[in-house]
Amino acid sequence: MLAGIAFGYLAISLDMENFVANWIKPWGTIFIRLLKLIAIPLVFISLIKGVVQMKDISKLSGLGIKTISIYIVTTLIAVVTGVGMVTLLNPGQYFPKDKTSELLASSGADLSESMQQVGKLKETGPLDFVVNIIPENLITAGGDNTAMLQIIFVALLIGIAMLAVGNKATDILKPVIEAIDLVILKIVDFIMNFAPVGVFALMATTIADFSGDTRMFNSLGMYALTVLITLLIIALLIYPVLLRLIKKHGIAEFIRGVFPIQLMAFSTSSSSATLPFTMEQAQLRMGVSEETACFVFPLRATINMDGTSAYQAVAIIFIAQIMNIDLTMAQMLSIILLTVIASIGTPGVPGASSVMTGMVPTTVGIPVEGLMLILGIDRLLDMFRTVVNVTGDVFVAKLIDQPAKTLL
C-alpha cells in the first residue's frame, strides 16, 4: 500500500499518469476481477460444507441448538453494532465528493447502472425481497454476482437436504465437497498471494487519478477508525458485559483469560490456525469443559465470525457513503441479513473475508469497485477482526458451558 502511494506521487511528479493507466492499472483490475471470480463458488461450497458439518448436532442436539442460536444472535449484534457505528460516524462524508466519479471511472464501474438497480430496489413490493431469494434458474443465478442471495438459498437448501437424507446416502458426496472446498481455498490462497501486487496497482492508480489529492486519506482513516472502534466495542464491552450480566463472570477476568488467544489470532490473522491454541487455552485459563470445547470451537469455524460480519457491514455502508448512494431501510436490512449469512460461509483463513465482502454490495446496487479504496489497509484490519472472531468463540463457550436458566 505504501509503495503504491509513493509510486503514484512519483508518477505525478514525472508526468507518468499515462504509464500508470496503461501498465499499472490493469493489475489492480485483475485483482478486483479475481475477487469477483471466486466469490460465488466460495460462498456456494462453503455454505454446503458448513451445513453438512453440523451432523454432530444429532448427537448433542440440545447443546447444538443452543450454540447455533447464540452464534446467530451474537453475529446479529455485531452486524447491528457495525451498522450503527458507520451510520453515526459517517466516514464517507470525509471523502471528496468531486472525486467520486473519478474513482468509478478509474475502476471501470458505471454508477448510473448501480443507481438504476437501487431505484428498482426502492420500487419493489414488501414481499418481493423474499420472492427474489428463490431463483428460477440456478445456472443463470450462478453467473450473476448480484444474485448472491439466490446462491445462498440454494446452498443452504442442498446442505439441509443432505442432512435430511442421512449420512450413508450422502457419504459419496461429502468427500467431493471437501475436495472442491480445498481447491477453492487454494485458489483464494493464490489470489491473496497476488494481493500485494493488486493493492500496489490500486493505490498507485488511485493516487495518479486523484492527482495526488490527499483528502481521500481523511475518509480512509476515518473508515479504519470506525472499524477499530466497532471491533473494540464488541470485544471489550459487549462480550464481557453480557457474560457479567448472564453468568456473573468478572469482566477483567474474562479479558485477562482471553488475551493470549487474542495475541495468537492477531499474529496469524486466521481463526482456523488459532483453533488448537484456542481450545487449549479456553480449558486451561477460562475453565471451559473439554466436552464443550470439543463441540463449540470446531462448530464456530463454520458459523461464527462476529468480527468479520461487523467489518463487512461497515465496509459496505462506507462504500455506499462515498458513492453518494442513499440506502433504504429495506437495503439496510438486506445488508444485515447478507452479512449474517455470509459469516456462515467465510472460511477462517487470511483474506477470505475480502472475497466474501465483495458479494454483498452488488446485491443492493453498490458498485463493488469501491472496494479498491479499502483493500489497501484490509490486511491490517483483518488482524483485528480475527481477534474479535476468536473472542466471540470463547464468549459463547463460556456462556454454553454452564447455561444460565434465565437465558437458555
Foldseek 3Di string as FASTA:
>chain_A
DVLLQVLLLVCLVVVNLVVLLPPQLVLLLVLLVLLLVLLLVLLLLLLLLLLLVLLCCVVVVVLSVLLQVVLLVLLLVLQVLLLVLCVVLVLLVLAPLVCLVLLCVSNVHDLVVLVVLLVVVVPDDPCVVVVLLDDPDPVVLSVDLLNSSVSNVVSNVNSVVLVVVHCVVCVVVNVVSVVSNVVSVVSLVVSVVSLVSNLSSLSSSSCNSVSNDCSRVSSLVSLLVSLLVSLCCSQQPVLLVVCCVQVVDHSVLLCVLCVVLLVVLLVFLFLVVSLVVLLVSLCVRVVQDNVLSVPLSVSLQQQHQNSLLSSLSSLLVSLCSNNVHDHDPVLNVQSSVLSNSLSRSQGRHPPSSLSNSLSNNSNNSGDSSSCSSNSNCVNNSSSSSSSSRSSVSSSSSSCSRDPRPVVD
